[in-house]
Amino acid sequence: MKSAEYKPPNNSNSTAATSSKTSNKRVTNYAEILAQWIVDIIALPVTFITHIFAQFVTPGSSGTKILGAMGFFLGTLLSSDGIWQTLFQGIPMFSWFETTWIGWFGWLTLPFNLFFWLSLGISALVQVMEARSLRGKRPDQAKAEFEESKQYTLSSKPTANIDLTTALWRDYKVAGMKERHAGGAIALFFWIFDLTTTFFGRNPFAYTDPGQILGCLAYNFTTMMAGEIGYTIWRLTK
């Protein structure tokens, strides 16, 4: 009787199966990588545009600074039209709510006109002063000035002294108030100046159609506020 011979296990089938699985896994990985590359390439323009828009909405970024500067310049340019017409008797620079305007050829000659640059400079000054009056002081600045002012105490009004002492006591009592009142008066002057030049250049009540009257009013107030809005945005991005 023959004894049973020991036969080693045949690993050829298992090795082939393992090799096949490994190859399939590699193919799957390559396919996933290739698909990811294709999606990334397709999404590249969208991602690029998204990053561009993010630059214009992120505080302190270059995009917001560009928007603020453009808003301030365009607002100043719109506001300068009223100054250009009122102070220097120039032809309207824009055609909106005007019977005539300087035209495209006239725009080519404006940079060579000194009065245009004067109008633009005056308009920029008006926009800055109006924006400052609207913005007011920052809380930290107001707090610092308040804390500093508390150190100055005032005694009762002297009665048994010469007139010079009484006058100096009064000066000490109202110290700083003249500058405060003068600042308010200057701000009021610039607002009245802007309002006068804007409505003198484009009188909305010269129209009879209510729609044109409302449209001209809205346009006038927009030209007055555009520079302030742009300047405020520009200041917030610094």
Protein backbone atom coordinates (compact mmCIF):
# COMPACT_ATOMS: atom_id res chain seq x y z
CA MET A 1 0.00 0.00 0.00
CA LYS A 2 1.40 3.31 -1.10
CA SER A 3 1.61 6.08 1.42
CA ALA A 4 0.06 9.43 0.50
CA GLU A 5 2.58 11.90 -0.78
CA TYR A 6 2.60 15.48 0.53
CA LYS A 7 2.00 18.04 -2.17
CA PRO A 8 2.78 21.70 -1.50
CA PRO A 9 -0.15 24.09 -2.05
CA ASN A 10 -0.36 25.61 -5.48
CA ASN A 11 -0.12 29.42 -5.05
CA SER A 12 -0.18 30.25 -8.72
CA ASN A 13 -3.92 30.89 -8.76
CA SER A 14 -3.90 33.06 -5.61
CA THR A 15 -0.89 35.01 -6.87
CA ALA A 16 -2.61 35.67 -10.17
CA ALA A 17 -5.75 36.81 -8.39
CA THR A 18 -3.77 39.13 -6.11
CA SER A 19 -1.88 40.57 -9.07
CA SER A 20 -5.15 41.14 -10.91
CA LYS A 21 -6.66 42.96 -7.92
CA THR A 22 -3.55 45.12 -7.57
CA SER A 23 -3.66 46.03 -11.25
CA ASN A 24 -7.35 46.90 -11.03
CA LYS A 25 -6.70 49.06 -7.95
CA ARG A 26 -3.92 50.92 -9.74
CA VAL A 27 -6.14 51.51 -12.74
CA THR A 28 -8.88 52.80 -10.44
CA ASN A 29 -6.46 55.15 -8.68
CA TYR A 30 -5.17 56.46 -11.99
CA ALA A 31 -8.73 56.97 -13.19
CA GLU A 32 -9.61 58.89 -10.03
CA ILE A 33 -6.52 61.08 -10.35
CA LEU A 34 -7.26 61.71 -14.03
CA ALA A 35 -10.88 62.55 -13.26
CA GLN A 36 -9.79 64.93 -10.50
CA TRP A 37 -7.39 66.65 -12.89
CA ILE A 38 -10.12 67.04 -15.49
CA VAL A 39 -12.51 68.52 -12.91
CA ASP A 40 -9.80 70.87 -11.61
CA ILE A 41 -9.04 72.05 -15.14
CA ILE A 42 -12.74 72.66 -15.82
CA ALA A 43 -13.15 74.45 -12.47
CA LEU A 44 -10.02 76.56 -12.94
CA PRO A 45 -11.79 79.53 -14.62
CA VAL A 46 -14.54 79.47 -12.00
CA THR A 47 -12.00 79.33 -9.18
CA PHE A 48 -10.02 82.16 -10.75
CA ILE A 49 -13.12 84.36 -11.07
CA THR A 50 -14.14 83.50 -7.49
CA HIS A 51 -10.75 84.61 -6.16
CA ILE A 52 -11.02 87.85 -8.14
CA PHE A 53 -14.44 88.60 -6.65
CA ALA A 54 -13.12 87.75 -3.19
CA GLN A 55 -10.48 90.45 -3.60
CA PHE A 56 -13.22 93.03 -4.11
CA VAL A 57 -15.25 92.07 -1.03
CA THR A 58 -12.51 91.30 1.50
CA PRO A 59 -11.82 94.31 3.77
CA GLY A 60 -8.30 95.64 3.39
CA SER A 61 -7.64 93.86 0.10
CA SER A 62 -6.37 95.54 -3.04
CA GLY A 63 -9.73 95.08 -4.76
CA THR A 64 -11.65 97.08 -2.16
CA LYS A 65 -9.05 99.83 -2.38
CA ILE A 66 -9.52 99.94 -6.14
CA LEU A 67 -13.31 100.07 -5.75
CA GLY A 68 -13.07 102.83 -3.17
CA ALA A 69 -10.68 104.88 -5.29
CA MET A 70 -12.85 104.41 -8.39
CA GLY A 71 -15.98 105.34 -6.45
CA PHE A 72 -14.35 108.46 -5.08
CA PHE A 73 -12.99 109.51 -8.48
CA LEU A 74 -16.26 108.91 -10.34
CA GLY A 75 -18.26 110.64 -7.62
CA THR A 76 -15.87 113.58 -7.69
CA LEU A 77 -16.12 113.74 -11.47
CA LEU A 78 -19.93 113.72 -11.38
CA SER A 79 -19.98 116.38 -8.69
CA SER A 80 -17.47 118.55 -10.55
CA ASP A 81 -19.96 118.99 -13.41
CA GLY A 82 -22.09 121.34 -11.31
CA ILE A 83 -19.03 123.35 -10.26
CA TRP A 84 -17.83 123.41 -13.87
CA GLN A 85 -21.15 124.87 -15.02
CA THR A 86 -21.83 127.23 -12.12
CA LEU A 87 -18.43 128.77 -11.39
CA PHE A 88 -16.77 128.59 -14.80
CA GLN A 89 -19.82 128.70 -17.11
CA GLY A 90 -18.71 125.51 -18.84
CA ILE A 91 -20.81 123.36 -21.13
CA PRO A 92 -22.29 120.35 -19.26
CA MET A 93 -19.91 117.40 -19.25
CA PHE A 94 -22.67 114.79 -19.18
CA SER A 95 -25.81 114.44 -21.25
CA TRP A 96 -28.16 113.34 -18.47
CA PHE A 97 -30.93 115.86 -17.82
CA GLU A 98 -29.23 118.41 -20.06
CA THR A 99 -30.34 120.04 -23.31
CA THR A 100 -26.76 120.07 -24.58
CA TRP A 101 -23.44 118.65 -23.49
CA ILE A 102 -19.77 118.84 -24.33
CA GLY A 103 -19.75 115.69 -26.47
CA TRP A 104 -17.12 113.00 -26.90
CA PHE A 105 -14.78 115.34 -28.74
CA GLY A 106 -15.10 117.86 -25.94
CA TRP A 107 -13.96 115.23 -23.46
CA LEU A 108 -10.71 114.96 -25.40
CA THR A 109 -10.06 118.66 -24.83
CA LEU A 110 -10.99 118.74 -21.13
CA PRO A 111 -7.57 117.60 -19.82
CA PHE A 112 -6.06 120.69 -21.44
CA ASN A 113 -8.51 123.06 -19.74
CA LEU A 114 -7.28 124.57 -16.48
CA PHE A 115 -10.82 125.27 -15.27
CA PHE A 116 -11.66 121.57 -15.54
CA TRP A 117 -8.85 120.68 -13.14
CA LEU A 118 -9.92 123.48 -10.81
CA SER A 119 -13.46 122.11 -10.83
CA LEU A 120 -12.16 118.62 -10.12
CA GLY A 121 -9.96 119.85 -7.27
CA ILE A 122 -12.76 121.87 -5.68
CA SER A 123 -15.10 118.90 -6.03
CA ALA A 124 -12.59 116.57 -4.36
CA LEU A 125 -12.21 119.00 -1.46
CA VAL A 126 -15.99 119.24 -1.09
CA GLN A 127 -16.37 115.44 -1.12
CA VAL A 128 -13.67 114.97 1.53
CA MET A 129 -15.13 117.61 3.84
CA GLU A 130 -18.66 116.27 3.45
CA ALA A 131 -17.52 112.71 4.07
CA ARG A 132 -15.65 113.84 7.18
CA SER A 133 -18.74 115.57 8.53
CA LEU A 134 -20.83 112.46 7.87
CA ARG A 135 -18.29 110.06 9.36
CA GLY A 136 -17.49 111.98 12.53
CA LYS A 137 -14.86 110.83 14.99
CA ARG A 138 -13.83 107.27 15.66
CA PRO A 139 -14.83 105.92 19.10
CA ASP A 140 -11.21 105.52 20.21
CA GLN A 141 -10.39 109.08 19.17
CA ALA A 142 -13.45 110.49 20.92
CA LYS A 143 -12.64 108.51 24.07
CA ALA A 144 -9.03 109.73 24.11
CA GLU A 145 -10.12 113.35 23.74
CA PHE A 146 -12.76 112.89 26.44
CA GLU A 147 -10.27 111.39 28.90
CA GLU A 148 -7.81 114.19 28.17
CA SER A 149 -10.42 116.91 28.72
CA LYS A 150 -11.38 115.54 32.15
CA GLN A 151 -8.05 116.59 33.63
CA TYR A 152 -8.94 120.26 33.25
CA THR A 153 -11.10 121.33 36.17
CA LEU A 154 -12.75 124.72 36.43
CA SER A 155 -13.08 126.73 39.61
CA SER A 156 -15.93 129.08 40.29
CA LYS A 157 -16.03 132.40 38.48
CA PRO A 158 -13.78 134.94 40.21
CA THR A 159 -15.61 137.94 41.64
CA ALA A 160 -12.97 139.93 43.51
CA ASN A 161 -10.41 140.14 40.73
CA ILE A 162 -9.60 142.46 37.88
CA ASP A 163 -11.36 142.20 34.53
CA LEU A 164 -8.36 140.49 32.96
CA THR A 165 -8.70 137.60 35.40
CA THR A 166 -12.38 137.26 34.57
CA ALA A 167 -11.63 137.36 30.84
CA LEU A 168 -8.94 134.69 31.15
CA TRP A 169 -11.29 132.54 33.23
CA ARG A 170 -13.86 132.82 30.45
CA ASP A 171 -11.23 131.91 27.82
CA TYR A 172 -10.26 128.86 29.86
CA LYS A 173 -13.91 127.88 30.22
CA VAL A 174 -14.65 127.93 26.48
CA ALA A 175 -11.22 126.72 25.30
CA GLY A 176 -11.58 124.51 22.22
CA MET A 177 -15.19 125.47 21.56
CA LYS A 178 -14.37 128.03 18.86
CA GLU A 179 -12.60 125.40 16.78
CA ARG A 180 -15.53 123.05 17.30
CA HIS A 181 -18.09 125.62 16.17
CA ALA A 182 -15.87 126.69 13.28
CA GLY A 183 -15.62 123.09 12.08
CA GLY A 184 -19.39 122.78 12.05
CA ALA A 185 -19.73 126.07 10.17
CA ILE A 186 -17.16 124.96 7.58
CA ALA A 187 -18.98 121.66 7.07
CA LEU A 188 -22.28 123.52 6.65
CA PHE A 189 -20.66 125.83 4.10
CA PHE A 190 -19.44 122.91 1.98
CA TRP A 191 -22.85 121.24 2.07
CA ILE A 192 -24.60 124.45 1.01
CA PHE A 193 -21.96 125.04 -1.68
CA ASP A 194 -22.40 121.53 -3.08
CA LEU A 195 -26.18 121.78 -2.97
CA THR A 196 -26.16 125.16 -4.72
CA THR A 197 -23.77 124.24 -7.52
CA THR A 198 -25.49 120.91 -8.13
CA PHE A 199 -29.02 122.27 -8.39
CA PHE A 200 -27.96 125.43 -10.20
CA GLY A 201 -26.29 123.31 -12.86
CA ARG A 202 -29.29 120.96 -13.18
CA ASN A 203 -32.55 122.48 -12.01
CA PRO A 204 -35.09 119.66 -11.65
CA PHE A 205 -37.96 122.11 -11.39
CA ALA A 206 -37.32 123.34 -14.92
CA TYR A 207 -39.17 120.22 -16.09
CA THR A 208 -42.92 119.75 -16.12
CA ASP A 209 -43.03 115.97 -16.23
CA PRO A 210 -43.13 114.57 -12.65
CA GLY A 211 -41.02 111.61 -13.73
CA GLN A 212 -38.28 113.87 -15.05
CA ILE A 213 -38.41 116.00 -11.90
CA LEU A 214 -37.99 112.96 -9.66
CA GLY A 215 -35.30 111.53 -11.92
CA CYS A 216 -33.31 114.76 -11.91
CA LEU A 217 -33.66 115.04 -8.13
CA ALA A 218 -32.39 111.48 -7.70
CA TYR A 219 -29.50 112.14 -10.09
CA ASN A 220 -28.52 115.34 -8.26
CA PHE A 221 -28.48 113.66 -4.86
CA THR A 222 -26.58 110.70 -6.33
CA THR A 223 -23.87 112.98 -7.68
CA MET A 224 -23.63 114.64 -4.27
CA MET A 225 -23.35 111.37 -2.35
CA ALA A 226 -21.28 109.25 -4.76
CA GLY A 227 -18.03 110.90 -3.79
CA GLU A 228 -18.74 110.58 -0.07
CA ILE A 229 -19.56 106.88 -0.44
CA GLY A 230 -16.42 106.23 -2.46
CA TYR A 231 -14.27 108.19 -0.04
CA THR A 232 -15.74 106.30 2.94
CA ILE A 233 -15.04 102.95 1.27
CA TRP A 234 -11.52 104.07 0.48
CA ARG A 235 -10.93 105.14 4.09
CA LEU A 236 -12.24 101.82 5.41
CA THR A 237 -9.75 99.89 3.29
CA LYS A 238 -6.69 101.71 4.65
